[in-house]
Amino acid sequence: MECRAGCGACCIAPSITSPLPGMPQGKPAGVPCAQLLPDMRCAVFGRPERPSFCGSLRPAADMCGDSREQAIFWLSRLEEETCPGAPTARMISGKAGLAGVCESAADAHVLP
């Protein structure tokens, strides 16, 4: 399966904990990556500075769904399920329904 043109869901929905160009502290969930180009392609694709997490994401029917919106929903849900403190943690929606902040019963914090 190939990436959907104009999607970029993998560069928006998940958090990235490792540093990357333009985001030395990593990327919070729901925030577009600094390396996401206007045409929704990755500026560091295939380059050594691309985080290993990004290289580990491979397009798949269950993850990508039938639309960009479905892909963002699926990846946001995965982020929620793997949020620190899960299963008691929950995601608080940010702009456009994208999860960007994790809140547990004990505390609320921005994902690394």
C-alpha atoms as a PDB file:
ATOM      1  CA  MET A   1       0.000   0.000   0.000  1.00  0.00           C
ATOM      2  CA  GLU A   2       1.235   3.515  -0.820  1.00  0.00           C
ATOM      3  CA  CYS A   3       0.682   6.708   1.147  1.00  0.00           C
ATOM      4  CA  ARG A   4      -2.393   8.685   0.106  1.00  0.00           C
ATOM      5  CA  ALA A   5      -1.446  11.891  -1.724  1.00  0.00           C
ATOM      6  CA  GLY A   6      -2.273  15.012   0.279  1.00  0.00           C
ATOM      7  CA  CYS A   7      -2.912  13.128   3.529  1.00  0.00           C
ATOM      8  CA  GLY A   8      -0.160  13.855   6.083  1.00  0.00           C
ATOM      9  CA  ALA A   9      -2.102  12.201   8.925  1.00  0.00           C
ATOM     10  CA  CYS A  10       1.047  10.436  10.170  1.00  0.00           C
ATOM     11  CA  CYS A  11       2.759  13.834  10.407  1.00  0.00           C
ATOM     12  CA  ILE A  12      -0.055  15.407  12.423  1.00  0.00           C
ATOM     13  CA  ALA A  13      -1.891  12.973  14.706  1.00  0.00           C
ATOM     14  CA  PRO A  14       0.848  11.111  16.630  1.00  0.00           C
ATOM     15  CA  SER A  15       3.301  12.556  19.105  1.00  0.00           C
ATOM     16  CA  ILE A  16       7.001  12.138  18.341  1.00  0.00           C
ATOM     17  CA  THR A  17       9.240  12.026  21.409  1.00  0.00           C
ATOM     18  CA  SER A  18      12.582  12.209  19.628  1.00  0.00           C
ATOM     19  CA  PRO A  19      14.057  15.476  18.348  1.00  0.00           C
ATOM     20  CA  LEU A  20      13.628  16.345  14.711  1.00  0.00           C
ATOM     21  CA  PRO A  21      14.650  19.337  12.594  1.00  0.00           C
ATOM     22  CA  GLY A  22      12.639  22.352  13.680  1.00  0.00           C
ATOM     23  CA  MET A  23      11.256  20.546  16.736  1.00  0.00           C
ATOM     24  CA  PRO A  24      14.168  19.780  19.076  1.00  0.00           C
ATOM     25  CA  GLN A  25      11.821  18.722  21.903  1.00  0.00           C
ATOM     26  CA  GLY A  26       9.789  16.429  19.667  1.00  0.00           C
ATOM     27  CA  LYS A  27       6.234  16.942  18.431  1.00  0.00           C
ATOM     28  CA  PRO A  28       3.019  16.887  20.474  1.00  0.00           C
ATOM     29  CA  ALA A  29       0.061  14.880  19.197  1.00  0.00           C
ATOM     30  CA  GLY A  30      -2.259  16.803  16.909  1.00  0.00           C
ATOM     31  CA  VAL A  31       0.390  19.357  15.924  1.00  0.00           C
ATOM     32  CA  PRO A  32       1.633  19.327  12.322  1.00  0.00           C
ATOM     33  CA  CYS A  33       5.302  18.411  12.085  1.00  0.00           C
ATOM     34  CA  ALA A  34       7.664  21.254  11.207  1.00  0.00           C
ATOM     35  CA  GLN A  35       8.848  19.089   8.297  1.00  0.00           C
ATOM     36  CA  LEU A  36       5.380  18.678   6.785  1.00  0.00           C
ATOM     37  CA  LEU A  37       5.391  20.412   3.406  1.00  0.00           C
ATOM     38  CA  PRO A  38       2.367  22.310   2.019  1.00  0.00           C
ATOM     39  CA  ASP A  39       1.553  19.321  -0.228  1.00  0.00           C
ATOM     40  CA  MET A  40       1.468  17.100   2.909  1.00  0.00           C
ATOM     41  CA  ARG A  41       4.737  15.298   2.131  1.00  0.00           C
ATOM     42  CA  CYS A  42       7.674  14.933   4.544  1.00  0.00           C
ATOM     43  CA  ALA A  43      10.663  17.193   3.911  1.00  0.00           C
ATOM     44  CA  VAL A  44      13.048  14.721   5.604  1.00  0.00           C
ATOM     45  CA  PHE A  45      11.676  11.510   4.071  1.00  0.00           C
ATOM     46  CA  GLY A  46      14.580   9.145   3.403  1.00  0.00           C
ATOM     47  CA  ARG A  47      17.098  11.390   5.170  1.00  0.00           C
ATOM     48  CA  PRO A  48      19.109  10.416   8.282  1.00  0.00           C
ATOM     49  CA  GLU A  49      17.513  13.152  10.425  1.00  0.00           C
ATOM     50  CA  ARG A  50      14.065  11.614   9.985  1.00  0.00           C
ATOM     51  CA  PRO A  51      13.028  10.099  13.344  1.00  0.00           C
ATOM     52  CA  SER A  52      12.979   6.305  13.484  1.00  0.00           C
ATOM     53  CA  PHE A  53       9.370   6.487  14.712  1.00  0.00           C
ATOM     54  CA  CYS A  54       8.364   8.070  11.404  1.00  0.00           C
ATOM     55  CA  GLY A  55      10.177   5.401   9.437  1.00  0.00           C
ATOM     56  CA  SER A  56       8.376   2.714  11.429  1.00  0.00           C
ATOM     57  CA  LEU A  57       4.927   3.901  10.301  1.00  0.00           C
ATOM     58  CA  ARG A  58       3.887   2.079   7.167  1.00  0.00           C
ATOM     59  CA  PRO A  59       0.616   2.703   5.332  1.00  0.00           C
ATOM     60  CA  ALA A  60      -1.944  -0.009   6.037  1.00  0.00           C
ATOM     61  CA  ALA A  61      -5.655  -0.293   5.276  1.00  0.00           C
ATOM     62  CA  ASP A  62      -6.707  -0.284   8.944  1.00  0.00           C
ATOM     63  CA  MET A  63      -4.578   2.765   9.783  1.00  0.00           C
ATOM     64  CA  CYS A  64      -5.263   4.805   6.646  1.00  0.00           C
ATOM     65  CA  GLY A  65      -8.938   3.987   6.156  1.00  0.00           C
ATOM     66  CA  ASP A  66     -10.733   5.483   3.180  1.00  0.00           C
ATOM     67  CA  SER A  67      -9.865   9.126   3.864  1.00  0.00           C
ATOM     68  CA  ARG A  68      -7.445  11.496   5.567  1.00  0.00           C
ATOM     69  CA  GLU A  69     -10.052  12.078   8.282  1.00  0.00           C
ATOM     70  CA  GLN A  70     -10.294   8.348   9.003  1.00  0.00           C
ATOM     71  CA  ALA A  71      -6.500   8.115   9.204  1.00  0.00           C
ATOM     72  CA  ILE A  72      -6.304  11.036  11.641  1.00  0.00           C
ATOM     73  CA  PHE A  73      -9.076   9.495  13.741  1.00  0.00           C
ATOM     74  CA  TRP A  74      -7.356   6.083  13.835  1.00  0.00           C
ATOM     75  CA  LEU A  75      -3.942   7.541  14.692  1.00  0.00           C
ATOM     76  CA  SER A  76      -5.446   9.880  17.314  1.00  0.00           C
ATOM     77  CA  ARG A  77      -7.196   6.902  18.886  1.00  0.00           C
ATOM     78  CA  LEU A  78      -3.899   4.983  18.947  1.00  0.00           C
ATOM     79  CA  GLU A  79      -2.278   7.993  20.621  1.00  0.00           C
ATOM     80  CA  GLU A  80      -5.064   7.976  23.211  1.00  0.00           C
ATOM     81  CA  GLU A  81      -4.661   4.270  23.910  1.00  0.00           C
ATOM     82  CA  THR A  82      -0.898   4.599  24.361  1.00  0.00           C
ATOM     83  CA  CYS A  83      -1.041   7.851  26.350  1.00  0.00           C
ATOM     84  CA  PRO A  84       0.929   7.715  29.637  1.00  0.00           C
ATOM     85  CA  GLY A  85      -1.395   6.453  32.326  1.00  0.00           C
ATOM     86  CA  ALA A  86      -3.665   4.561  29.919  1.00  0.00           C
ATOM     87  CA  PRO A  87      -6.230   3.031  30.297  1.00  0.00           C
ATOM     88  CA  THR A  88      -7.353   5.657  32.837  1.00  0.00           C
ATOM     89  CA  ALA A  89      -5.897   8.470  30.751  1.00  0.00           C
ATOM     90  CA  ARG A  90      -8.004  10.273  28.214  1.00  0.00           C
ATOM     91  CA  MET A  91      -7.243  12.659  25.405  1.00  0.00           C
ATOM     92  CA  ILE A  92      -8.560  16.195  25.399  1.00  0.00           C
ATOM     93  CA  SER A  93      -9.379  17.336  21.886  1.00  0.00           C
ATOM     94  CA  GLY A  94      -7.513  20.240  20.403  1.00  0.00           C
ATOM     95  CA  LYS A  95      -8.336  22.156  17.229  1.00  0.00           C
ATOM     96  CA  ALA A  96     -10.221  20.258  14.565  1.00  0.00           C
ATOM     97  CA  GLY A  97     -10.807  17.392  16.984  1.00  0.00           C
ATOM     98  CA  LEU A  98      -7.179  16.357  17.053  1.00  0.00           C
ATOM     99  CA  ALA A  99      -5.910  15.114  20.381  1.00  0.00           C
ATOM    100  CA  GLY A 100      -2.971  17.079  21.678  1.00  0.00           C
ATOM    101  CA  VAL A 101      -3.096  16.893  25.450  1.00  0.00           C
ATOM    102  CA  CYS A 102      -3.200  13.844  27.670  1.00  0.00           C
ATOM    103  CA  GLU A 103      -5.007  14.029  30.988  1.00  0.00           C
ATOM    104  CA  SER A 104      -4.969  11.330  33.613  1.00  0.00           C
ATOM    105  CA  ALA A 105      -6.871  11.211  36.869  1.00  0.00           C
ATOM    106  CA  ALA A 106      -3.737  12.344  38.710  1.00  0.00           C
ATOM    107  CA  ASP A 107      -2.524  15.163  36.474  1.00  0.00           C
ATOM    108  CA  ALA A 108      -2.779  16.863  33.111  1.00  0.00           C
ATOM    109  CA  HIS A 109       0.239  17.363  30.869  1.00  0.00           C
ATOM    110  CA  VAL A 110       1.248  17.972  27.292  1.00  0.00           C
ATOM    111  CA  LEU A 111       2.547  14.849  25.640  1.00  0.00           C
ATOM    112  CA  PRO A 112       6.313  14.873  25.099  1.00  0.00           C
END
